[in-house]
Protein backbone atom coordinates (compact mmCIF):
# COMPACT_ATOMS: atom_id res chain seq x y z
CA MET A 1 14.24 32.11 -19.23
CA PRO A 2 12.28 30.26 -21.99
CA LYS A 3 10.05 27.44 -20.83
CA GLU A 4 10.89 23.88 -21.82
CA TYR A 5 8.42 21.07 -22.32
CA ILE A 6 8.49 17.32 -22.71
CA ASP A 7 6.24 15.28 -25.01
CA LEU A 8 3.78 14.02 -22.39
CA GLU A 9 2.86 17.61 -21.50
CA ALA A 10 1.56 18.36 -25.02
CA PRO A 11 -2.18 18.04 -24.15
CA ILE A 12 -1.95 20.70 -21.40
CA ILE A 13 0.58 23.21 -22.77
CA GLU A 14 -2.07 25.49 -24.28
CA LEU A 15 -4.16 25.40 -21.10
CA ARG A 16 -1.16 26.30 -18.95
CA ASP A 17 -0.12 29.14 -21.24
CA ALA A 18 -3.66 30.54 -21.25
CA ILE A 19 -3.75 30.39 -17.43
CA GLU A 20 -0.43 32.25 -17.18
CA ASN A 21 -1.71 35.01 -19.46
CA LEU A 22 -4.97 35.41 -17.53
CA LYS A 23 -3.12 35.67 -14.19
CA LYS A 24 -1.96 39.13 -15.28
CA SER A 25 -5.54 40.40 -15.66
CA ASN A 26 -7.81 41.88 -12.98
CA SER A 27 -10.96 41.75 -15.10
CA PRO A 28 -13.89 39.93 -13.39
CA ASP A 29 -14.65 38.07 -16.62
CA ASP A 30 -11.03 37.00 -16.97
CA LEU A 31 -10.95 35.83 -13.36
CA LYS A 32 -13.99 33.63 -14.00
CA LYS A 33 -12.35 32.28 -17.14
CA LEU A 34 -9.15 31.66 -15.17
CA GLN A 35 -11.00 29.55 -12.63
CA ARG A 36 -12.71 27.59 -15.40
CA LEU A 37 -9.38 26.91 -17.13
CA LYS A 38 -7.81 25.78 -13.86
CA GLU A 39 -10.60 23.24 -13.40
CA GLU A 40 -10.19 22.10 -16.99
CA LEU A 41 -6.44 21.73 -16.49
CA LYS A 42 -6.99 19.71 -13.33
CA LYS A 43 -9.39 17.32 -15.08
CA GLU A 44 -7.08 16.92 -18.09
CA TRP A 45 -4.09 16.25 -15.86
CA GLU A 46 -6.01 13.64 -13.86
CA LYS A 47 -6.60 11.76 -17.12
CA ILE A 48 -2.92 11.96 -18.06
CA LYS A 49 -1.76 10.89 -14.58
CA THR A 50 -3.58 7.57 -14.74
CA LEU A 51 -1.78 6.67 -17.98
CA LEU A 52 1.76 7.66 -16.99
CA THR A 53 4.33 4.87 -17.28
CA PRO A 54 7.30 4.65 -14.89
CA TRP A 55 9.55 5.91 -17.70
CA GLN A 56 7.34 8.96 -18.19
CA VAL A 57 7.51 9.66 -14.44
CA VAL A 58 11.31 9.52 -14.80
CA GLN A 59 11.03 12.18 -17.51
CA LEU A 60 8.91 14.37 -15.24
CA ALA A 61 11.37 13.95 -12.37
CA ARG A 62 14.13 15.18 -14.71
CA HIS A 63 12.11 18.01 -16.22
CA PRO A 64 14.48 20.92 -16.99
CA MET A 65 12.11 23.44 -15.38
CA ARG A 66 11.45 21.44 -12.22
CA PRO A 67 12.17 23.46 -9.02
CA TYR A 68 15.56 22.80 -7.45
CA THR A 69 16.76 23.07 -3.85
CA LEU A 70 17.62 26.76 -4.06
CA ASP A 71 14.15 27.49 -5.49
CA TYR A 72 12.50 25.88 -2.48
CA ILE A 73 14.87 27.58 -0.08
CA GLY A 74 13.78 30.92 -1.52
CA TYR A 75 10.09 30.13 -0.99
CA LEU A 76 10.21 28.29 2.34
CA PHE A 77 12.92 29.90 4.43
CA ASP A 78 14.14 33.33 5.52
CA ASP A 79 17.71 34.54 6.04
CA PHE A 80 19.40 31.53 4.44
CA LEU A 81 23.11 31.59 5.28
CA GLU A 82 25.02 29.25 2.99
CA ILE A 83 28.09 27.56 4.42
CA HIS A 84 30.87 26.49 2.08
CA GLY A 85 33.63 23.89 2.14
CA ASP A 86 34.35 20.63 3.93
CA ARG A 87 37.49 21.91 5.73
CA ARG A 88 39.45 19.10 4.09
CA PHE A 89 39.64 19.67 0.35
CA ALA A 90 37.23 22.13 -1.27
CA ASP A 91 33.71 23.42 -1.65
CA ASP A 92 31.31 21.41 -3.80
CA PRO A 93 28.60 23.46 -5.57
CA ALA A 94 26.60 20.27 -6.30
CA ILE A 95 25.41 20.44 -2.68
CA VAL A 96 24.15 23.56 -0.93
CA ALA A 97 24.11 23.64 2.85
CA GLY A 98 23.49 26.25 5.49
CA LEU A 99 21.28 27.64 8.22
CA ALA A 100 17.92 29.35 7.74
CA SER A 101 14.88 30.58 9.60
CA TYR A 102 11.61 28.66 9.26
CA LYS A 103 8.56 30.23 10.93
CA GLY A 104 10.78 31.71 13.63
CA GLN A 105 12.79 28.51 14.17
CA THR A 106 16.38 28.01 12.98
CA VAL A 107 16.85 24.93 10.81
CA THR A 108 19.74 23.29 8.97
CA VAL A 109 19.09 22.98 5.23
CA VAL A 110 21.03 20.75 2.83
CA GLY A 111 20.25 19.65 -0.70
CA HIS A 112 21.53 18.72 -4.12
CA GLN A 113 21.58 21.56 -6.63
CA LYS A 114 21.48 21.15 -10.41
CA GLY A 115 21.93 23.96 -12.91
CA ARG A 116 19.66 25.28 -15.64
CA THR A 117 21.99 26.98 -18.12
CA THR A 118 24.97 25.14 -19.57
CA LYS A 119 27.32 27.24 -17.44
CA GLU A 120 25.33 26.49 -14.26
CA LYS A 121 25.14 22.78 -15.04
CA ILE A 122 28.90 22.56 -15.39
CA PHE A 123 29.43 24.61 -12.23
CA ARG A 124 27.05 22.37 -10.25
CA ASN A 125 28.40 19.21 -11.95
CA PHE A 126 24.82 18.38 -12.99
CA GLY A 127 23.90 17.85 -9.34
CA MET A 128 26.38 14.99 -8.89
CA PRO A 129 28.38 15.58 -5.68
CA ASN A 130 32.01 14.77 -5.02
CA PRO A 131 33.02 13.43 -1.57
CA GLU A 132 33.72 16.96 -0.35
CA GLY A 133 30.07 17.77 -0.99
CA TYR A 134 28.89 15.02 1.33
CA ARG A 135 31.46 16.00 3.93
CA LYS A 136 30.30 19.60 3.73
CA ALA A 137 26.67 18.52 4.17
CA LEU A 138 27.53 16.46 7.24
CA ARG A 139 29.68 19.24 8.69
CA VAL A 140 26.72 21.62 8.48
CA MET A 141 24.31 19.04 9.90
CA LYS A 142 26.65 18.44 12.83
CA LEU A 143 26.88 22.18 13.39
CA GLY A 144 23.09 22.37 13.48
CA GLU A 145 22.92 19.41 15.85
CA LYS A 146 25.26 21.21 18.26
CA PHE A 147 22.67 23.97 18.65
CA GLY A 148 19.57 21.79 18.39
CA PHE A 149 18.54 22.84 14.86
CA PRO A 150 16.37 20.32 12.93
CA VAL A 151 17.69 19.15 9.54
CA VAL A 152 15.73 19.54 6.30
CA SER A 153 17.24 17.74 3.30
CA PHE A 154 16.24 18.02 -0.38
CA ILE A 155 17.23 15.13 -2.64
CA ASP A 156 17.67 15.67 -6.38
CA THR A 157 20.66 13.97 -7.99
CA PRO A 158 21.34 11.44 -10.76
CA GLY A 159 23.88 9.97 -8.32
CA ALA A 160 27.25 10.61 -6.72
CA TYR A 161 29.97 11.64 -9.17
CA ALA A 162 31.93 8.57 -10.29
CA GLY A 163 35.04 10.32 -11.61
CA VAL A 164 38.58 9.20 -10.85
CA GLY A 165 39.22 12.21 -8.59
CA ALA A 166 36.09 11.49 -6.55
CA GLU A 167 37.16 7.88 -6.04
CA GLU A 168 40.69 8.93 -5.10
CA ARG A 169 39.30 11.27 -2.45
CA GLY A 170 37.11 8.56 -0.91
CA GLN A 171 33.65 8.79 -2.45
CA ALA A 172 32.43 5.49 -1.00
CA GLU A 173 33.82 6.28 2.46
CA ALA A 174 32.20 9.74 2.46
CA ILE A 175 28.80 8.26 1.60
CA ALA A 176 29.09 5.41 4.13
CA TYR A 177 30.19 7.81 6.87
CA ASN A 178 27.20 10.07 6.20
CA LEU A 179 24.82 7.11 6.43
CA ARG A 180 26.13 6.20 9.86
CA GLU A 181 26.31 9.71 11.23
CA MET A 182 22.91 10.83 9.92
CA SER A 183 21.28 7.80 11.51
CA ARG A 184 22.55 9.03 14.90
CA LEU A 185 21.78 12.76 14.69
CA LYS A 186 19.97 13.85 17.85
CA VAL A 187 17.84 16.44 16.07
CA PRO A 188 14.77 15.79 13.89
CA VAL A 189 15.65 15.01 10.26
CA ILE A 190 13.10 15.46 7.47
CA ILE A 191 13.82 14.39 3.89
CA PHE A 192 12.12 15.56 0.69
CA VAL A 193 12.80 13.75 -2.59
CA ILE A 194 12.05 16.58 -5.03
CA GLY A 195 13.36 15.17 -8.32
CA GLU A 196 15.80 12.35 -8.92
CA GLY A 197 16.92 10.13 -6.07
CA GLY A 198 19.91 8.39 -7.55
CA SER A 199 21.37 5.51 -5.53
CA GLY A 200 23.92 6.19 -2.76
CA GLY A 201 24.38 9.72 -4.05
CA ALA A 202 20.87 10.46 -2.82
CA LEU A 203 20.94 8.25 0.25
CA ALA A 204 24.07 10.02 1.56
CA ILE A 205 21.86 12.95 2.62
CA GLY A 206 18.67 10.89 2.84
CA ILE A 207 18.68 9.19 6.25
CA GLY A 208 15.81 10.77 8.15
CA ASP A 209 12.93 10.37 10.55
CA LEU A 210 10.36 11.28 7.89
CA ILE A 211 10.88 10.73 4.18
CA TYR A 212 8.53 12.61 1.92
CA MET A 213 8.56 12.06 -1.83
CA LEU A 214 7.02 14.37 -4.40
CA GLU A 215 4.41 12.67 -6.53
CA PHE A 216 6.44 12.71 -9.77
CA SER A 217 9.91 12.24 -8.34
CA ILE A 218 11.90 8.99 -8.49
CA TYR A 219 14.17 7.07 -6.13
CA SER A 220 16.13 4.02 -7.26
CA VAL A 221 19.35 2.07 -6.83
CA ILE A 222 20.41 2.90 -10.40
CA SER A 223 19.12 4.92 -13.34
CA PRO A 224 16.98 3.14 -15.97
CA GLU A 225 19.76 3.79 -18.50
CA GLY A 226 22.37 2.19 -16.24
CA CYS A 227 20.11 -0.74 -15.47
CA ALA A 228 19.39 -1.33 -19.17
CA ALA A 229 23.10 -1.23 -19.99
CA ILE A 230 24.04 -3.73 -17.28
CA LEU A 231 21.15 -6.22 -17.42
CA TRP A 232 20.01 -6.03 -21.04
CA LYS A 233 23.16 -4.53 -22.57
CA ASN A 234 20.82 -2.53 -24.76
CA GLN A 235 19.57 1.04 -24.34
CA SER A 236 16.30 0.13 -26.06
CA ALA A 237 15.40 -1.63 -22.80
CA ILE A 238 15.22 1.64 -20.82
CA GLU A 239 11.43 1.54 -20.43
CA ASN A 240 11.56 -2.09 -19.37
CA ALA A 241 14.24 -1.21 -16.83
CA ALA A 242 12.12 1.64 -15.44
CA ASP A 243 9.17 -0.73 -15.05
CA ASN A 244 11.26 -3.24 -13.10
CA LEU A 245 13.10 -0.74 -10.90
CA LYS A 246 9.81 0.51 -9.38
CA PRO A 247 11.27 4.02 -8.85
CA THR A 248 8.01 5.94 -8.46
CA ALA A 249 6.58 7.35 -5.25
CA LYS A 250 3.52 5.12 -5.56
CA GLU A 251 5.61 1.95 -5.67
CA LEU A 252 8.01 3.04 -2.93
CA LYS A 253 5.11 3.85 -0.61
CA LYS A 254 3.87 0.28 -1.08
CA PHE A 255 7.30 -1.03 -0.06
CA GLU A 256 7.37 1.37 2.93
CA ILE A 257 10.59 2.98 1.71
CA ILE A 258 8.99 6.40 2.09
CA ASP A 259 6.51 7.74 4.62
CA GLU A 260 4.23 9.93 2.50
CA ILE A 261 3.66 11.04 -1.08
CA VAL A 262 3.52 14.81 -1.51
CA PRO A 263 0.97 15.74 -4.21
CA GLU A 264 2.08 18.04 -7.02
CA PRO A 265 0.05 20.76 -8.77
CA PRO A 266 -1.64 19.82 -12.08
CA GLY A 267 1.14 19.44 -14.63
CA GLY A 268 3.82 18.75 -12.04
CA SER A 269 5.88 20.87 -9.64
CA HIS A 270 7.40 22.88 -12.50
CA SER A 271 3.98 24.20 -13.47
CA ASP A 272 3.58 26.25 -10.28
CA TYR A 273 6.61 26.80 -8.05
CA GLU A 274 4.69 28.80 -5.47
CA GLU A 275 1.89 26.26 -5.11
CA MET A 276 4.38 23.41 -4.85
CA ALA A 277 6.29 25.27 -2.12
CA LYS A 278 3.04 25.81 -0.19
CA ILE A 279 2.30 22.09 -0.32
CA ILE A 280 5.81 21.20 0.89
CA ASP A 281 5.46 23.85 3.59
CA SER A 282 2.39 22.12 5.02
CA TYR A 283 4.21 18.77 5.21
CA LEU A 284 7.35 20.32 6.69
CA GLU A 285 5.43 22.19 9.40
CA LYS A 286 3.43 19.09 10.29
CA GLY A 287 6.53 16.90 10.35
CA LEU A 288 8.55 19.21 12.58
CA LYS A 289 5.70 19.44 15.08
CA GLU A 290 5.27 15.68 15.10
CA LEU A 291 8.98 14.96 15.62
CA SER A 292 9.49 17.65 18.26
CA ARG A 293 7.20 15.71 20.62
CA ILE A 294 9.40 12.59 20.52
CA PRO A 295 12.44 12.29 22.85
CA PHE A 296 15.66 12.16 20.85
CA GLU A 297 16.65 8.67 22.09
CA GLU A 298 13.35 7.25 20.87
CA ARG A 299 13.60 9.22 17.63
CA ILE A 300 17.06 7.80 16.88
CA ASN A 301 15.92 4.24 17.61
CA ARG A 302 12.90 4.67 15.33
CA ARG A 303 15.09 6.09 12.57
CA ILE A 304 17.53 3.17 12.73
CA ASP A 305 14.71 0.61 12.88
CA LYS A 306 13.02 2.22 9.89
CA PHE A 307 16.03 1.60 7.66
CA ARG A 308 16.83 -1.82 9.08
CA LYS A 309 13.34 -3.04 8.23
CA MET A 310 13.40 -1.78 4.64
CA GLY A 311 13.31 -4.35 1.88
CA VAL A 312 11.31 -7.42 0.99
CA PHE A 313 12.97 -10.81 1.21
CA ILE A 314 11.71 -14.05 -0.28
CA GLN A 315 13.16 -17.37 0.90
CA GLN A 316 12.87 -20.32 -1.40
CA LYS A 317 14.00 -23.82 -0.54
CA GLU A 318 16.03 -25.57 -3.21
CA ALA A 319 14.32 -28.49 -4.82
CA ILE A 320 15.66 -31.84 -3.63
CA ASN A 321 16.43 -34.16 -6.53
């Protein structure tokens, strides 16, 4: 599949291509050159990182070559058994869910799945789930809970699908029900925001004990485009909307919406799938060990308290004339 780039990557494209070519060589000289280029790439990316605007981070989060849920499943887990359907209406390809083995332990895995080719994008509905997708995800999580399997959830969606059919089948109810039920799961729940975290469509599989967010992913109540259309009624205000939404991992960590920021390889997660998976692996292993030591009653109370405390409120008394 041909690689795709976005404008902000221009300064490092040549370096990345040169590194990819040298990876195929076993020559000692080439290996030394490879190491030198990797250091050069790291330094160049550090310069770029400091200048990234929130809108540019949005572009990185939506990068067409960014790893998706199924990519991470392939790197992190063994013997993934996908489970289909919600036993009410249909299967929803926008969400994948099933059981897998992680370092000898069975876990429940759910996540949004986008497509790369036009055919895949249509099949996956661009990663925007219908209510049956959320019901399928919860069905699989409940199945895992029955046998004591921890839940690992990967978030990457522009938002829940807002079509007429989705609304007729109870989109809002499906999301609300997931929020309540996930908050009460007795097993450990770990969340990774790997790309876009779009509003309730993301939150519906995002209630967890630990919420990790990849460095160049986003999480917001609405997309910058939607925000610009509603508040400014002008699409030229997209960058302004992105600034005000504070959707980046750095901002959300300040507001204590997420627990930790997961660093990405130089150039972003799409530049090195294997390295990104290794980084996620270290956080997942650490998180599961940490949560396994906490009694489930305490874990549930902590999870509920975490979400109840989210948000910053400012009270202002009205001026008395």
